[in-house]
Amino acid sequence: MDIKIRTNQHIYIIDVEGVMDLYYSNQLKELVMKMIEKKVERFIINVNNVKSIDSSGIGALIFISSTMKKMKLGLAITNVHGPVRQVMEKTRLAAYFPLYENINEAIKELSAQPALGNALV
């Protein structure tokens, strides 16, 4: 799995590519937690190029999503299709996650949110 980070103003976009399995899912969780420690408040996890995901990958997304909800931070997961969508639908977790068709929709939604939990303002 390859992870790249880019920004769109105050929103951090995490592009994930490859396989989300036990080893790589932990990397994603650790990255998000480090970013939260640095007071990042809005994330987009783009799974457009994720070829497969296992239960630990879903578990990582659940952990990230629940942590973000508890801390009142902004999260969007975008471009969920193919094997990732199939796993989410089979596990009936698609409704649990803040899913968006594309990055532009997610940016629009997250930008509209007022200041969040860790505001530095």
N, C-alpha and C. Protein backbone atom coordinates (compact mmCIF):
# COMPACT_ATOMS: atom_id res chain seq x y z
N MET A 1 0.86 -1.17 0.00
CA MET A 1 0.00 0.00 0.00
C MET A 1 0.89 1.22 0.00
N ASP A 2 0.49 2.21 -0.75
CA ASP A 2 1.20 3.47 -0.82
C ASP A 2 0.25 4.56 -0.32
N ILE A 3 0.76 5.45 0.52
CA ILE A 3 -0.05 6.54 1.06
C ILE A 3 0.62 7.86 0.70
N LYS A 4 -0.17 8.75 0.13
CA LYS A 4 0.32 10.09 -0.20
C LYS A 4 -0.62 11.10 0.44
N ILE A 5 -0.05 12.20 0.89
CA ILE A 5 -0.85 13.25 1.53
C ILE A 5 -0.71 14.52 0.72
N ARG A 6 -1.84 15.17 0.52
CA ARG A 6 -1.86 16.48 -0.12
C ARG A 6 -2.91 17.32 0.59
N THR A 7 -2.90 18.61 0.32
CA THR A 7 -3.86 19.47 1.00
C THR A 7 -4.66 20.29 0.00
N ASN A 8 -5.84 20.66 0.43
CA ASN A 8 -6.67 21.62 -0.27
C ASN A 8 -7.10 22.61 0.79
N GLN A 9 -6.36 23.68 0.91
CA GLN A 9 -6.52 24.66 1.97
C GLN A 9 -6.36 23.98 3.32
N HIS A 10 -7.39 23.88 4.11
CA HIS A 10 -7.31 23.32 5.45
C HIS A 10 -7.74 21.85 5.53
N ILE A 11 -7.94 21.22 4.38
CA ILE A 11 -8.37 19.82 4.34
C ILE A 11 -7.20 18.96 3.84
N TYR A 12 -6.91 17.91 4.60
CA TYR A 12 -5.84 16.99 4.21
C TYR A 12 -6.44 15.80 3.49
N ILE A 13 -5.91 15.52 2.30
CA ILE A 13 -6.38 14.41 1.49
C ILE A 13 -5.33 13.30 1.55
N ILE A 14 -5.77 12.14 2.00
CA ILE A 14 -4.89 10.98 2.10
C ILE A 14 -5.27 10.03 0.97
N ASP A 15 -4.38 9.94 -0.01
CA ASP A 15 -4.60 9.04 -1.14
C ASP A 15 -3.99 7.68 -0.81
N VAL A 16 -4.84 6.66 -0.81
CA VAL A 16 -4.39 5.30 -0.48
C VAL A 16 -4.42 4.47 -1.76
N GLU A 17 -3.35 3.71 -1.95
CA GLU A 17 -3.25 2.90 -3.17
C GLU A 17 -2.76 1.51 -2.82
N GLY A 18 -3.33 0.51 -3.47
CA GLY A 18 -2.87 -0.86 -3.27
C GLY A 18 -3.81 -1.70 -2.44
N VAL A 19 -3.25 -2.42 -1.47
CA VAL A 19 -4.00 -3.37 -0.65
C VAL A 19 -4.07 -2.85 0.78
N MET A 20 -5.28 -2.81 1.34
CA MET A 20 -5.45 -2.44 2.75
C MET A 20 -5.59 -3.73 3.55
N ASP A 21 -4.45 -4.22 4.05
CA ASP A 21 -4.46 -5.42 4.87
C ASP A 21 -3.94 -5.07 6.27
N LEU A 22 -3.67 -6.09 7.08
CA LEU A 22 -3.30 -5.87 8.47
C LEU A 22 -2.12 -4.92 8.61
N TYR A 23 -1.05 -5.17 7.91
CA TYR A 23 0.16 -4.36 8.04
C TYR A 23 -0.10 -2.92 7.62
N TYR A 24 -0.65 -2.73 6.46
CA TYR A 24 -0.81 -1.39 5.90
C TYR A 24 -1.94 -0.61 6.58
N SER A 25 -2.94 -1.30 7.06
CA SER A 25 -4.03 -0.62 7.76
C SER A 25 -3.52 0.07 9.02
N ASN A 26 -2.59 -0.59 9.70
CA ASN A 26 -2.00 0.02 10.89
C ASN A 26 -1.23 1.28 10.54
N GLN A 27 -0.56 1.28 9.39
CA GLN A 27 0.16 2.48 8.95
C GLN A 27 -0.81 3.64 8.76
N LEU A 28 -1.96 3.36 8.16
CA LEU A 28 -2.96 4.40 7.94
C LEU A 28 -3.48 4.94 9.26
N LYS A 29 -3.80 4.06 10.20
CA LYS A 29 -4.27 4.49 11.52
C LYS A 29 -3.23 5.36 12.21
N GLU A 30 -1.99 4.92 12.21
CA GLU A 30 -0.92 5.68 12.86
C GLU A 30 -0.74 7.05 12.22
N LEU A 31 -0.82 7.11 10.90
CA LEU A 31 -0.69 8.39 10.20
C LEU A 31 -1.80 9.35 10.62
N VAL A 32 -3.03 8.87 10.63
CA VAL A 32 -4.16 9.72 11.00
C VAL A 32 -4.03 10.19 12.45
N MET A 33 -3.62 9.30 13.34
CA MET A 33 -3.46 9.69 14.74
C MET A 33 -2.38 10.75 14.91
N LYS A 34 -1.28 10.63 14.18
CA LYS A 34 -0.22 11.64 14.24
C LYS A 34 -0.72 12.98 13.72
N MET A 35 -1.53 12.94 12.68
CA MET A 35 -2.07 14.18 12.12
C MET A 35 -3.05 14.82 13.10
N ILE A 36 -3.83 14.02 13.80
CA ILE A 36 -4.75 14.55 14.81
C ILE A 36 -3.95 15.21 15.94
N GLU A 37 -2.85 14.57 16.34
CA GLU A 37 -1.99 15.16 17.37
C GLU A 37 -1.46 16.53 16.95
N LYS A 38 -1.27 16.71 15.64
CA LYS A 38 -0.78 17.98 15.12
C LYS A 38 -1.93 18.96 14.83
N LYS A 39 -3.12 18.63 15.34
CA LYS A 39 -4.30 19.49 15.27
C LYS A 39 -4.94 19.59 13.88
N VAL A 40 -4.72 18.58 13.04
CA VAL A 40 -5.43 18.53 11.76
C VAL A 40 -6.87 18.15 12.07
N GLU A 41 -7.83 18.87 11.49
CA GLU A 41 -9.25 18.69 11.83
C GLU A 41 -10.10 18.08 10.74
N ARG A 42 -9.64 18.14 9.50
CA ARG A 42 -10.48 17.67 8.39
C ARG A 42 -9.66 16.77 7.48
N PHE A 43 -10.19 15.59 7.24
CA PHE A 43 -9.51 14.58 6.43
C PHE A 43 -10.42 14.05 5.33
N ILE A 44 -9.80 13.74 4.23
CA ILE A 44 -10.45 12.94 3.19
C ILE A 44 -9.56 11.74 2.97
N ILE A 45 -10.14 10.55 3.08
CA ILE A 45 -9.40 9.34 2.73
C ILE A 45 -9.92 8.90 1.37
N ASN A 46 -9.05 8.99 0.38
CA ASN A 46 -9.40 8.66 -1.00
C ASN A 46 -8.96 7.23 -1.29
N VAL A 47 -9.93 6.34 -1.49
CA VAL A 47 -9.61 4.92 -1.72
C VAL A 47 -9.79 4.53 -3.19
N ASN A 48 -9.69 5.52 -4.06
CA ASN A 48 -9.89 5.28 -5.49
C ASN A 48 -8.99 4.18 -6.03
N ASN A 49 -7.76 4.11 -5.56
CA ASN A 49 -6.80 3.13 -6.09
C ASN A 49 -6.53 1.96 -5.15
N VAL A 50 -7.46 1.70 -4.24
CA VAL A 50 -7.34 0.52 -3.37
C VAL A 50 -7.88 -0.68 -4.14
N LYS A 51 -7.02 -1.67 -4.30
CA LYS A 51 -7.39 -2.84 -5.11
C LYS A 51 -8.13 -3.90 -4.29
N SER A 52 -7.82 -3.98 -2.99
CA SER A 52 -8.53 -4.92 -2.13
C SER A 52 -8.41 -4.45 -0.68
N ILE A 53 -9.35 -4.93 0.13
CA ILE A 53 -9.39 -4.56 1.54
C ILE A 53 -9.85 -5.79 2.31
N ASP A 54 -9.21 -6.04 3.46
CA ASP A 54 -9.64 -7.16 4.29
C ASP A 54 -10.26 -6.63 5.57
N SER A 55 -10.55 -7.53 6.50
CA SER A 55 -11.24 -7.12 7.72
C SER A 55 -10.42 -6.11 8.54
N SER A 56 -9.11 -6.22 8.50
CA SER A 56 -8.29 -5.26 9.24
C SER A 56 -8.34 -3.88 8.58
N GLY A 57 -8.48 -3.84 7.27
CA GLY A 57 -8.65 -2.56 6.57
C GLY A 57 -9.96 -1.90 6.95
N ILE A 58 -11.02 -2.70 6.99
CA ILE A 58 -12.33 -2.18 7.43
C ILE A 58 -12.23 -1.74 8.88
N GLY A 59 -11.55 -2.55 9.70
CA GLY A 59 -11.37 -2.20 11.11
C GLY A 59 -10.64 -0.87 11.28
N ALA A 60 -9.64 -0.64 10.45
CA ALA A 60 -8.91 0.63 10.52
C ALA A 60 -9.82 1.80 10.16
N LEU A 61 -10.64 1.63 9.15
CA LEU A 61 -11.58 2.69 8.76
C LEU A 61 -12.61 2.94 9.86
N ILE A 62 -13.07 1.86 10.51
CA ILE A 62 -14.01 2.02 11.62
C ILE A 62 -13.34 2.77 12.77
N PHE A 63 -12.11 2.40 13.10
CA PHE A 63 -11.37 3.07 14.17
C PHE A 63 -11.20 4.56 13.85
N ILE A 64 -10.77 4.86 12.64
CA ILE A 64 -10.56 6.25 12.23
C ILE A 64 -11.88 7.02 12.29
N SER A 65 -12.93 6.44 11.73
CA SER A 65 -14.23 7.11 11.70
C SER A 65 -14.76 7.36 13.11
N SER A 66 -14.70 6.35 13.98
CA SER A 66 -15.22 6.53 15.33
C SER A 66 -14.39 7.53 16.13
N THR A 67 -13.08 7.52 15.94
CA THR A 67 -12.21 8.50 16.61
C THR A 67 -12.56 9.91 16.15
N MET A 68 -12.73 10.07 14.86
CA MET A 68 -13.06 11.39 14.31
C MET A 68 -14.41 11.88 14.83
N LYS A 69 -15.39 10.98 14.91
CA LYS A 69 -16.71 11.36 15.42
C LYS A 69 -16.63 11.78 16.88
N LYS A 70 -15.91 11.01 17.69
CA LYS A 70 -15.78 11.34 19.12
C LYS A 70 -15.12 12.69 19.33
N MET A 71 -14.15 13.01 18.47
CA MET A 71 -13.40 14.25 18.62
C MET A 71 -14.05 15.42 17.86
N LYS A 72 -15.19 15.11 17.21
CA LYS A 72 -15.92 16.11 16.43
C LYS A 72 -15.05 16.71 15.33
N LEU A 73 -14.33 15.84 14.63
CA LEU A 73 -13.48 16.24 13.51
C LEU A 73 -14.15 15.83 12.20
N GLY A 74 -13.72 16.41 11.11
CA GLY A 74 -14.34 16.15 9.82
C GLY A 74 -13.65 15.03 9.06
N LEU A 75 -14.44 14.09 8.57
CA LEU A 75 -13.91 12.96 7.80
C LEU A 75 -14.82 12.68 6.62
N ALA A 76 -14.19 12.37 5.50
CA ALA A 76 -14.91 11.90 4.33
C ALA A 76 -14.09 10.78 3.70
N ILE A 77 -14.76 9.77 3.21
CA ILE A 77 -14.11 8.69 2.48
C ILE A 77 -14.65 8.76 1.06
N THR A 78 -13.74 8.85 0.09
CA THR A 78 -14.18 9.08 -1.28
C THR A 78 -13.78 7.97 -2.23
N ASN A 79 -14.49 7.96 -3.36
CA ASN A 79 -14.20 7.05 -4.47
C ASN A 79 -14.24 5.58 -4.05
N VAL A 80 -15.28 5.23 -3.31
CA VAL A 80 -15.45 3.85 -2.84
C VAL A 80 -16.16 3.07 -3.95
N HIS A 81 -15.43 2.16 -4.56
CA HIS A 81 -16.00 1.35 -5.63
C HIS A 81 -15.28 0.01 -5.69
N GLY A 82 -15.72 -0.84 -6.57
CA GLY A 82 -15.07 -2.14 -6.76
C GLY A 82 -15.04 -2.98 -5.49
N PRO A 83 -13.90 -3.60 -5.23
CA PRO A 83 -13.78 -4.51 -4.08
C PRO A 83 -14.05 -3.82 -2.73
N VAL A 84 -13.66 -2.57 -2.60
CA VAL A 84 -13.89 -1.87 -1.33
C VAL A 84 -15.38 -1.70 -1.09
N ARG A 85 -16.12 -1.29 -2.10
CA ARG A 85 -17.57 -1.14 -1.96
C ARG A 85 -18.22 -2.49 -1.67
N GLN A 86 -17.77 -3.53 -2.34
CA GLN A 86 -18.34 -4.86 -2.12
C GLN A 86 -18.17 -5.30 -0.67
N VAL A 87 -16.99 -5.10 -0.11
CA VAL A 87 -16.75 -5.48 1.28
C VAL A 87 -17.62 -4.65 2.21
N MET A 88 -17.71 -3.35 1.95
CA MET A 88 -18.54 -2.49 2.81
C MET A 88 -20.01 -2.88 2.73
N GLU A 89 -20.47 -3.25 1.56
CA GLU A 89 -21.87 -3.66 1.42
C GLU A 89 -22.12 -5.02 2.08
N LYS A 90 -21.19 -5.96 1.92
CA LYS A 90 -21.34 -7.28 2.53
C LYS A 90 -21.36 -7.19 4.06
N THR A 91 -20.55 -6.30 4.60
CA THR A 91 -20.49 -6.14 6.05
C THR A 91 -21.56 -5.18 6.57
N ARG A 92 -22.31 -4.60 5.65
CA ARG A 92 -23.36 -3.64 5.97
C ARG A 92 -22.84 -2.42 6.72
N LEU A 93 -21.62 -2.02 6.38
CA LEU A 93 -21.01 -0.88 7.03
C LEU A 93 -20.99 0.38 6.15
N ALA A 94 -21.44 0.26 4.93
CA ALA A 94 -21.41 1.41 4.03
C ALA A 94 -22.13 2.61 4.64
N ALA A 95 -23.23 2.38 5.34
CA ALA A 95 -24.00 3.47 5.93
C ALA A 95 -23.29 4.07 7.15
N TYR A 96 -22.36 3.35 7.72
CA TYR A 96 -21.64 3.82 8.91
C TYR A 96 -20.63 4.92 8.56
N PHE A 97 -20.06 4.82 7.37
CA PHE A 97 -19.00 5.74 6.97
C PHE A 97 -19.54 6.97 6.24
N PRO A 98 -18.84 8.10 6.37
CA PRO A 98 -19.20 9.30 5.62
C PRO A 98 -18.63 9.20 4.20
N LEU A 99 -19.39 8.55 3.32
CA LEU A 99 -18.92 8.27 1.95
C LEU A 99 -19.36 9.36 0.98
N TYR A 100 -18.46 9.69 0.05
CA TYR A 100 -18.75 10.67 -1.00
C TYR A 100 -18.26 10.11 -2.32
N GLU A 101 -18.96 10.47 -3.38
CA GLU A 101 -18.63 9.97 -4.71
C GLU A 101 -17.23 10.38 -5.15
N ASN A 102 -16.85 11.62 -4.84
CA ASN A 102 -15.55 12.10 -5.30
C ASN A 102 -14.98 13.13 -4.31
N ILE A 103 -13.76 13.50 -4.57
CA ILE A 103 -13.05 14.43 -3.67
C ILE A 103 -13.71 15.80 -3.66
N ASN A 104 -14.17 16.28 -4.81
CA ASN A 104 -14.79 17.61 -4.86
C ASN A 104 -16.03 17.70 -3.97
N GLU A 105 -16.86 16.66 -3.98
CA GLU A 105 -18.05 16.64 -3.10
C GLU A 105 -17.62 16.67 -1.63
N ALA A 106 -16.61 15.91 -1.30
CA ALA A 106 -16.14 15.84 0.09
C ALA A 106 -15.55 17.18 0.52
N ILE A 107 -14.79 17.82 -0.34
CA ILE A 107 -14.21 19.13 -0.02
C ILE A 107 -15.33 20.14 0.23
N LYS A 108 -16.33 20.12 -0.62
CA LYS A 108 -17.45 21.04 -0.47
C LYS A 108 -18.13 20.83 0.89
N GLU A 109 -18.38 19.59 1.25
CA GLU A 109 -19.05 19.27 2.52
C GLU A 109 -18.18 19.67 3.72
N LEU A 110 -16.91 19.27 3.69
CA LEU A 110 -16.04 19.56 4.82
C LEU A 110 -15.76 21.07 4.96
N SER A 111 -15.68 21.77 3.85
CA SER A 111 -15.45 23.21 3.90
C SER A 111 -16.62 23.96 4.50
N ALA A 112 -17.82 23.40 4.37
CA ALA A 112 -19.03 24.05 4.88
C ALA A 112 -19.17 23.88 6.39
N GLN A 113 -18.41 22.95 6.97
CA GLN A 113 -18.51 22.72 8.42
C GLN A 113 -17.87 23.86 9.20
N PRO A 114 -18.48 24.23 10.31
CA PRO A 114 -17.87 25.28 11.14
C PRO A 114 -16.59 24.78 11.80
N ALA A 115 -15.91 25.64 12.51
CA ALA A 115 -14.69 25.25 13.22
C ALA A 115 -14.97 24.00 14.05
N LEU A 116 -14.03 23.11 14.08
CA LEU A 116 -14.23 21.81 14.70
C LEU A 116 -13.51 21.69 16.03
N GLY A 117 -13.41 20.47 16.55
CA GLY A 117 -12.89 20.16 17.87
C GLY A 117 -11.56 20.74 18.28
N ASN A 118 -10.55 20.68 17.43
CA ASN A 118 -9.21 21.11 17.81
C ASN A 118 -8.85 22.48 17.24
N ALA A 119 -9.81 23.30 17.02
CA ALA A 119 -9.58 24.58 16.33
C ALA A 119 -8.40 25.35 16.93
N LEU A 120 -7.55 25.82 16.06
CA LEU A 120 -6.40 26.60 16.47
C LEU A 120 -6.68 28.09 16.45
N VAL A 121 -7.84 28.47 16.03
CA VAL A 121 -8.19 29.89 15.87
C VAL A 121 -8.43 30.55 17.21
